[in-house]
Amino acid sequence: MADAQAQILDAAEALFARQGFAATTIKAIGHQAAVNPALLYYYFPDKAQLYHAVLERRLATAAREVAQKLRPDAPAPEAIAQAIRAYATLMRQTPYLPRLIARELADHEAAHALPLIREIAAGLFQRLCEVIRRGQDRGELRADLAPQFAAISTIAQVAWFFVAQPAVSRLLGFDGAVPADEIERYTEHVIRYAMAALTPDARRPTRARKRARR
């Protein structure tokens, strides 16, 4: 039964990502999963509950995977770099996730995902903000940046690349998906770009320097 449930979730994820919630039927999901559509109701009361389960499986997993890399004892630049790599790896390994996110935002203005977004905001997002604040306090990161905006800017660089990959692939001269080695190159670029923006130079005061002057 567990295998059947996984088949249903996989099939639903693919169809919701390709067609959207409204255009995807229980019958189509059953056909894609190679199970009797009636079996879907054994696991999920209706299509909305199945859609929620698909979003929860992917978004919650994404949050946990990235949050594990934000170790409080690590230097902030190292923790942020590891989180960026983890997020990029997860997006690459779950090709329907970016399309699910894009469709949810475009079709429903994140209405279905709001509980999960709140959970991520309370978990992953706040954890990343705290890593940035600690880095600012230790003089590892610039003190003149709002941690919440810095967190959004950093993660958005990766998210946009995958959500917009059909367009990005053509901008980079590829016909179809961006090759894995190019994704790795881009991930390392994001890390360098983020570090250039986040780390202080001699002309910018850090919180540690400010306290030392007092």
C-alpha atoms as a PDB file:
ATOM      1  CA  MET A   1       0.000   0.000   0.000  1.00  0.00           C
ATOM      2  CA  ALA A   2       2.860   2.377   0.757  1.00  0.00           C
ATOM      3  CA  ASP A   3       4.195   1.831  -2.766  1.00  0.00           C
ATOM      4  CA  ALA A   4       0.765   2.648  -4.215  1.00  0.00           C
ATOM      5  CA  GLN A   5       0.618   5.860  -2.194  1.00  0.00           C
ATOM      6  CA  ALA A   6       4.069   6.875  -3.439  1.00  0.00           C
ATOM      7  CA  GLN A   7       3.001   6.125  -7.033  1.00  0.00           C
ATOM      8  CA  ILE A   8      -0.061   8.307  -6.582  1.00  0.00           C
ATOM      9  CA  LEU A   9       1.967  11.191  -5.130  1.00  0.00           C
ATOM     10  CA  ASP A  10       4.565  10.936  -7.906  1.00  0.00           C
ATOM     11  CA  ALA A  11       1.885  10.883 -10.613  1.00  0.00           C
ATOM     12  CA  ALA A  12      -0.036  13.753  -9.037  1.00  0.00           C
ATOM     13  CA  GLU A  13       3.130  15.816  -8.683  1.00  0.00           C
ATOM     14  CA  ALA A  14       3.974  15.408 -12.369  1.00  0.00           C
ATOM     15  CA  LEU A  15       0.457  16.272 -13.543  1.00  0.00           C
ATOM     16  CA  PHE A  16      -0.047  19.195 -11.167  1.00  0.00           C
ATOM     17  CA  ALA A  17       3.304  20.614 -12.283  1.00  0.00           C
ATOM     18  CA  ARG A  18       2.532  20.206 -15.997  1.00  0.00           C
ATOM     19  CA  GLN A  19      -1.172  21.068 -16.062  1.00  0.00           C
ATOM     20  CA  GLY A  20      -1.999  22.870 -12.841  1.00  0.00           C
ATOM     21  CA  PHE A  21      -4.533  22.002 -10.150  1.00  0.00           C
ATOM     22  CA  ALA A  22      -7.747  22.822 -12.026  1.00  0.00           C
ATOM     23  CA  ALA A  23      -6.908  20.894 -15.197  1.00  0.00           C
ATOM     24  CA  THR A  24      -5.754  17.743 -13.401  1.00  0.00           C
ATOM     25  CA  THR A  25      -8.424  15.137 -12.667  1.00  0.00           C
ATOM     26  CA  ILE A  26      -8.467  12.232 -10.243  1.00  0.00           C
ATOM     27  CA  LYS A  27      -9.016   9.938 -13.229  1.00  0.00           C
ATOM     28  CA  ALA A  28      -5.886  11.268 -14.957  1.00  0.00           C
ATOM     29  CA  ILE A  29      -3.826  10.833 -11.797  1.00  0.00           C
ATOM     30  CA  GLY A  30      -5.030   7.244 -11.423  1.00  0.00           C
ATOM     31  CA  HIS A  31      -4.150   6.522 -15.050  1.00  0.00           C
ATOM     32  CA  GLN A  32      -0.701   8.102 -14.659  1.00  0.00           C
ATOM     33  CA  ALA A  33      -0.085   6.126 -11.451  1.00  0.00           C
ATOM     34  CA  ALA A  34      -1.414   2.900 -13.016  1.00  0.00           C
ATOM     35  CA  VAL A  35      -3.898   2.402 -10.173  1.00  0.00           C
ATOM     36  CA  ASN A  36      -7.683   2.400  -9.938  1.00  0.00           C
ATOM     37  CA  PRO A  37      -8.761   6.020  -9.377  1.00  0.00           C
ATOM     38  CA  ALA A  38     -10.979   4.803  -6.528  1.00  0.00           C
ATOM     39  CA  LEU A  39      -7.786   3.913  -4.623  1.00  0.00           C
ATOM     40  CA  LEU A  40      -6.881   7.587  -4.463  1.00  0.00           C
ATOM     41  CA  TYR A  41      -9.822   8.194  -2.150  1.00  0.00           C
ATOM     42  CA  TYR A  42      -8.488   5.531   0.217  1.00  0.00           C
ATOM     43  CA  TYR A  43      -5.478   7.766   0.902  1.00  0.00           C
ATOM     44  CA  PHE A  44      -6.850  11.236   0.185  1.00  0.00           C
ATOM     45  CA  PRO A  45     -10.425  12.480   0.740  1.00  0.00           C
ATOM     46  CA  ASP A  46     -10.384  14.690  -2.352  1.00  0.00           C
ATOM     47  CA  LYS A  47      -8.150  16.287  -4.959  1.00  0.00           C
ATOM     48  CA  ALA A  48      -7.397  19.295  -2.751  1.00  0.00           C
ATOM     49  CA  GLN A  49      -6.052  17.053   0.027  1.00  0.00           C
ATOM     50  CA  LEU A  50      -3.909  15.200  -2.495  1.00  0.00           C
ATOM     51  CA  TYR A  51      -2.558  18.511  -3.802  1.00  0.00           C
ATOM     52  CA  HIS A  52      -1.723  19.600  -0.265  1.00  0.00           C
ATOM     53  CA  ALA A  53       0.086  16.295   0.304  1.00  0.00           C
ATOM     54  CA  VAL A  54       2.165  16.820  -2.836  1.00  0.00           C
ATOM     55  CA  LEU A  55       3.151  20.338  -1.779  1.00  0.00           C
ATOM     56  CA  GLU A  56       3.913  19.273   1.776  1.00  0.00           C
ATOM     57  CA  ARG A  57       6.102  16.369   0.652  1.00  0.00           C
ATOM     58  CA  ARG A  58       8.267  18.601  -1.510  1.00  0.00           C
ATOM     59  CA  LEU A  59       8.286  21.951   0.286  1.00  0.00           C
ATOM     60  CA  ALA A  60       8.732  20.522   3.770  1.00  0.00           C
ATOM     61  CA  THR A  61      11.540  18.262   2.532  1.00  0.00           C
ATOM     62  CA  ALA A  62      13.212  21.233   0.848  1.00  0.00           C
ATOM     63  CA  ALA A  63      13.057  23.246   4.061  1.00  0.00           C
ATOM     64  CA  ARG A  64      14.531  20.439   6.157  1.00  0.00           C
ATOM     65  CA  GLU A  65      17.341  19.689   3.686  1.00  0.00           C
ATOM     66  CA  VAL A  66      18.499  23.304   3.534  1.00  0.00           C
ATOM     67  CA  ALA A  67      18.001  23.995   7.250  1.00  0.00           C
ATOM     68  CA  GLN A  68      20.335  21.114   8.143  1.00  0.00           C
ATOM     69  CA  LYS A  69      23.180  22.987   6.452  1.00  0.00           C
ATOM     70  CA  LEU A  70      22.620  26.157   8.503  1.00  0.00           C
ATOM     71  CA  ARG A  71      24.682  24.990  11.464  1.00  0.00           C
ATOM     72  CA  PRO A  72      24.732  27.579  14.266  1.00  0.00           C
ATOM     73  CA  ASP A  73      28.344  26.775  15.175  1.00  0.00           C
ATOM     74  CA  ALA A  74      29.715  27.273  11.651  1.00  0.00           C
ATOM     75  CA  PRO A  75      31.015  30.610  10.337  1.00  0.00           C
ATOM     76  CA  ALA A  76      28.166  32.425   8.607  1.00  0.00           C
ATOM     77  CA  PRO A  77      29.739  32.482   5.104  1.00  0.00           C
ATOM     78  CA  GLU A  78      30.374  28.722   5.284  1.00  0.00           C
ATOM     79  CA  ALA A  79      26.838  27.956   6.511  1.00  0.00           C
ATOM     80  CA  ILE A  80      25.237  30.125   3.809  1.00  0.00           C
ATOM     81  CA  ALA A  81      27.368  28.520   1.079  1.00  0.00           C
ATOM     82  CA  GLN A  82      26.389  25.023   2.214  1.00  0.00           C
ATOM     83  CA  ALA A  83      22.706  26.003   2.334  1.00  0.00           C
ATOM     84  CA  ILE A  84      22.871  27.366  -1.229  1.00  0.00           C
ATOM     85  CA  ARG A  85      24.474  24.136  -2.460  1.00  0.00           C
ATOM     86  CA  ALA A  86      21.869  22.026  -0.659  1.00  0.00           C
ATOM     87  CA  TYR A  87      18.997  24.057  -2.107  1.00  0.00           C
ATOM     88  CA  ALA A  88      20.397  23.875  -5.646  1.00  0.00           C
ATOM     89  CA  THR A  89      20.967  20.119  -5.344  1.00  0.00           C
ATOM     90  CA  LEU A  90      17.434  19.558  -4.106  1.00  0.00           C
ATOM     91  CA  MET A  91      15.910  21.653  -6.902  1.00  0.00           C
ATOM     92  CA  ARG A  92      17.973  19.766  -9.470  1.00  0.00           C
ATOM     93  CA  GLN A  93      16.984  16.365  -8.074  1.00  0.00           C
ATOM     94  CA  THR A  94      13.260  17.217  -7.912  1.00  0.00           C
ATOM     95  CA  PRO A  95      12.584  18.672 -11.368  1.00  0.00           C
ATOM     96  CA  TYR A  96       8.858  19.156 -10.782  1.00  0.00           C
ATOM     97  CA  LEU A  97       9.346  21.227  -7.631  1.00  0.00           C
ATOM     98  CA  PRO A  98      10.200  24.524  -9.395  1.00  0.00           C
ATOM     99  CA  ARG A  99       7.196  24.122 -11.697  1.00  0.00           C
ATOM    100  CA  LEU A 100       4.932  23.317  -8.755  1.00  0.00           C
ATOM    101  CA  ILE A 101       6.096  26.472  -6.983  1.00  0.00           C
ATOM    102  CA  ALA A 102       5.624  28.603 -10.111  1.00  0.00           C
ATOM    103  CA  ARG A 103       2.145  27.225 -10.766  1.00  0.00           C
ATOM    104  CA  GLU A 104       1.071  27.610  -7.155  1.00  0.00           C
ATOM    105  CA  LEU A 105       2.149  31.256  -7.152  1.00  0.00           C
ATOM    106  CA  ALA A 106       0.665  32.032 -10.577  1.00  0.00           C
ATOM    107  CA  ASP A 107      -2.577  30.053 -10.356  1.00  0.00           C
ATOM    108  CA  HIS A 108      -3.478  30.349  -6.680  1.00  0.00           C
ATOM    109  CA  GLU A 109      -1.315  33.159  -5.257  1.00  0.00           C
ATOM    110  CA  ALA A 110       0.112  30.564  -2.843  1.00  0.00           C
ATOM    111  CA  ALA A 111      -3.314  29.988  -1.239  1.00  0.00           C
ATOM    112  CA  HIS A 112      -2.797  26.226  -1.011  1.00  0.00           C
ATOM    113  CA  ALA A 113       0.753  26.583   0.241  1.00  0.00           C
ATOM    114  CA  LEU A 114       0.184  29.279   2.870  1.00  0.00           C
ATOM    115  CA  PRO A 115       0.373  26.914   5.879  1.00  0.00           C
ATOM    116  CA  LEU A 116       3.623  25.462   4.519  1.00  0.00           C
ATOM    117  CA  ILE A 117       5.019  28.885   3.712  1.00  0.00           C
ATOM    118  CA  ARG A 118       4.304  29.944   7.303  1.00  0.00           C
ATOM    119  CA  GLU A 119       6.063  26.805   8.536  1.00  0.00           C
ATOM    120  CA  ILE A 120       9.080  27.500   6.339  1.00  0.00           C
ATOM    121  CA  ALA A 121       9.118  31.163   7.386  1.00  0.00           C
ATOM    122  CA  ALA A 122       9.107  30.094  11.023  1.00  0.00           C
ATOM    123  CA  GLY A 123      11.783  27.484  10.401  1.00  0.00           C
ATOM    124  CA  LEU A 124      14.136  27.788   7.450  1.00  0.00           C
ATOM    125  CA  PHE A 125      13.741  31.498   6.798  1.00  0.00           C
ATOM    126  CA  GLN A 126      14.135  32.534  10.420  1.00  0.00           C
ATOM    127  CA  ARG A 127      17.080  30.182  10.771  1.00  0.00           C
ATOM    128  CA  LEU A 128      18.822  31.771   7.795  1.00  0.00           C
ATOM    129  CA  CYS A 129      18.087  35.241   9.176  1.00  0.00           C
ATOM    130  CA  GLU A 130      19.605  34.218  12.499  1.00  0.00           C
ATOM    131  CA  VAL A 131      22.747  32.901  10.786  1.00  0.00           C
ATOM    132  CA  ILE A 132      23.079  36.275   9.046  1.00  0.00           C
ATOM    133  CA  ARG A 133      22.538  38.190  12.314  1.00  0.00           C
ATOM    134  CA  ARG A 134      25.183  36.118  14.093  1.00  0.00           C
ATOM    135  CA  GLY A 135      27.555  36.688  11.199  1.00  0.00           C
ATOM    136  CA  GLN A 136      26.953  40.419  11.500  1.00  0.00           C
ATOM    137  CA  ASP A 137      27.571  40.355  15.245  1.00  0.00           C
ATOM    138  CA  ARG A 138      30.839  38.470  14.719  1.00  0.00           C
ATOM    139  CA  GLY A 139      31.979  40.838  11.971  1.00  0.00           C
ATOM    140  CA  GLU A 140      31.772  38.106   9.294  1.00  0.00           C
ATOM    141  CA  LEU A 141      28.966  39.820   7.373  1.00  0.00           C
ATOM    142  CA  ARG A 142      28.026  43.407   6.603  1.00  0.00           C
ATOM    143  CA  ALA A 143      26.105  45.163   9.349  1.00  0.00           C
ATOM    144  CA  ASP A 144      24.269  47.591   7.044  1.00  0.00           C
ATOM    145  CA  LEU A 145      22.022  44.918   5.468  1.00  0.00           C
ATOM    146  CA  ALA A 146      18.630  43.876   6.804  1.00  0.00           C
ATOM    147  CA  PRO A 147      18.939  40.128   7.563  1.00  0.00           C
ATOM    148  CA  GLN A 148      15.473  39.314   6.215  1.00  0.00           C
ATOM    149  CA  PHE A 149      16.150  41.044   2.891  1.00  0.00           C
ATOM    150  CA  ALA A 150      19.605  39.477   2.633  1.00  0.00           C
ATOM    151  CA  ALA A 151      18.063  36.028   3.193  1.00  0.00           C
ATOM    152  CA  ILE A 152      15.429  36.555   0.490  1.00  0.00           C
ATOM    153  CA  SER A 153      17.969  37.910  -1.997  1.00  0.00           C
ATOM    154  CA  THR A 154      20.332  34.990  -1.430  1.00  0.00           C
ATOM    155  CA  ILE A 155      17.788  32.184  -1.823  1.00  0.00           C
ATOM    156  CA  ALA A 156      15.924  33.931  -4.658  1.00  0.00           C
ATOM    157  CA  GLN A 157      18.987  33.704  -6.896  1.00  0.00           C
ATOM    158  CA  VAL A 158      18.735  29.912  -6.833  1.00  0.00           C
ATOM    159  CA  ALA A 159      14.934  29.708  -6.893  1.00  0.00           C
ATOM    160  CA  TRP A 160      14.571  31.970  -9.931  1.00  0.00           C
ATOM    161  CA  PHE A 161      17.183  30.033 -11.902  1.00  0.00           C
ATOM    162  CA  PHE A 162      15.174  26.811 -11.589  1.00  0.00           C
ATOM    163  CA  VAL A 163      11.674  28.286 -11.856  1.00  0.00           C
ATOM    164  CA  ALA A 164      12.667  30.145 -15.028  1.00  0.00           C
ATOM    165  CA  GLN A 165      14.826  27.345 -16.413  1.00  0.00           C
ATOM    166  CA  PRO A 166      12.967  27.060 -19.772  1.00  0.00           C
ATOM    167  CA  ALA A 167      13.938  30.674 -20.464  1.00  0.00           C
ATOM    168  CA  VAL A 168      17.307  30.491 -18.707  1.00  0.00           C
ATOM    169  CA  SER A 169      18.370  27.466 -20.771  1.00  0.00           C
ATOM    170  CA  ARG A 170      17.856  29.402 -23.981  1.00  0.00           C
ATOM    171  CA  LEU A 171      19.576  32.498 -22.625  1.00  0.00           C
ATOM    172  CA  LEU A 172      22.597  30.281 -21.928  1.00  0.00           C
ATOM    173  CA  GLY A 173      22.457  28.718 -25.385  1.00  0.00           C
ATOM    174  CA  PHE A 174      20.964  25.315 -24.503  1.00  0.00           C
ATOM    175  CA  ASP A 175      17.985  23.635 -26.120  1.00  0.00           C
ATOM    176  CA  GLY A 176      16.055  22.217 -23.183  1.00  0.00           C
ATOM    177  CA  ALA A 177      17.343  21.651 -19.655  1.00  0.00           C
ATOM    178  CA  VAL A 178      20.537  23.257 -18.423  1.00  0.00           C
ATOM    179  CA  PRO A 179      23.264  20.563 -18.107  1.00  0.00           C
ATOM    180  CA  ALA A 180      24.263  19.449 -14.617  1.00  0.00           C
ATOM    181  CA  ASP A 181      27.787  20.848 -14.880  1.00  0.00           C
ATOM    182  CA  GLU A 182      26.399  24.270 -15.811  1.00  0.00           C
ATOM    183  CA  ILE A 183      24.041  24.156 -12.828  1.00  0.00           C
ATOM    184  CA  GLU A 184      27.023  23.436 -10.578  1.00  0.00           C
ATOM    185  CA  ARG A 185      28.905  26.363 -12.127  1.00  0.00           C
ATOM    186  CA  TYR A 186      25.920  28.619 -11.545  1.00  0.00           C
ATOM    187  CA  THR A 187      25.579  27.438  -7.938  1.00  0.00           C
ATOM    188  CA  GLU A 188      29.193  28.340  -7.217  1.00  0.00           C
ATOM    189  CA  HIS A 189      28.618  31.678  -8.964  1.00  0.00           C
ATOM    190  CA  VAL A 190      25.675  32.370  -6.632  1.00  0.00           C
ATOM    191  CA  ILE A 191      27.887  31.646  -3.632  1.00  0.00           C
ATOM    192  CA  ARG A 192      30.607  34.007  -4.849  1.00  0.00           C
ATOM    193  CA  TYR A 193      28.019  36.644  -5.748  1.00  0.00           C
ATOM    194  CA  ALA A 194      26.291  36.365  -2.378  1.00  0.00           C
ATOM    195  CA  MET A 195      29.570  36.477  -0.471  1.00  0.00           C
ATOM    196  CA  ALA A 196      30.676  39.569  -2.408  1.00  0.00           C
ATOM    197  CA  ALA A 197      27.449  41.267  -1.352  1.00  0.00           C
ATOM    198  CA  LEU A 198      27.328  39.990   2.236  1.00  0.00           C
ATOM    199  CA  THR A 199      30.911  40.075   3.454  1.00  0.00           C
ATOM    200  CA  PRO A 200      32.395  43.358   4.668  1.00  0.00           C
ATOM    201  CA  ASP A 201      35.377  45.217   3.302  1.00  0.00           C
ATOM    202  CA  ALA A 202      37.619  47.705   5.106  1.00  0.00           C
ATOM    203  CA  ARG A 203      35.400  50.636   4.107  1.00  0.00           C
ATOM    204  CA  ARG A 204      32.192  49.224   5.593  1.00  0.00           C
ATOM    205  CA  PRO A 205      31.672  49.131   9.370  1.00  0.00           C
ATOM    206  CA  THR A 206      30.635  45.845  10.945  1.00  0.00           C
ATOM    207  CA  ARG A 207      28.755  45.556  14.218  1.00  0.00           C
ATOM    208  CA  ALA A 208      31.911  44.175  15.837  1.00  0.00           C
ATOM    209  CA  ARG A 209      33.916  47.219  14.676  1.00  0.00           C
ATOM    210  CA  LYS A 210      31.186  49.572  15.788  1.00  0.00           C
ATOM    211  CA  ARG A 211      31.212  48.114  19.291  1.00  0.00           C
ATOM    212  CA  ALA A 212      35.035  48.270  19.392  1.00  0.00           C
ATOM    213  CA  ARG A 213      34.915  52.012  18.668  1.00  0.00           C
ATOM    214  CA  ARG A 214      32.556  52.728  21.556  1.00  0.00           C
END
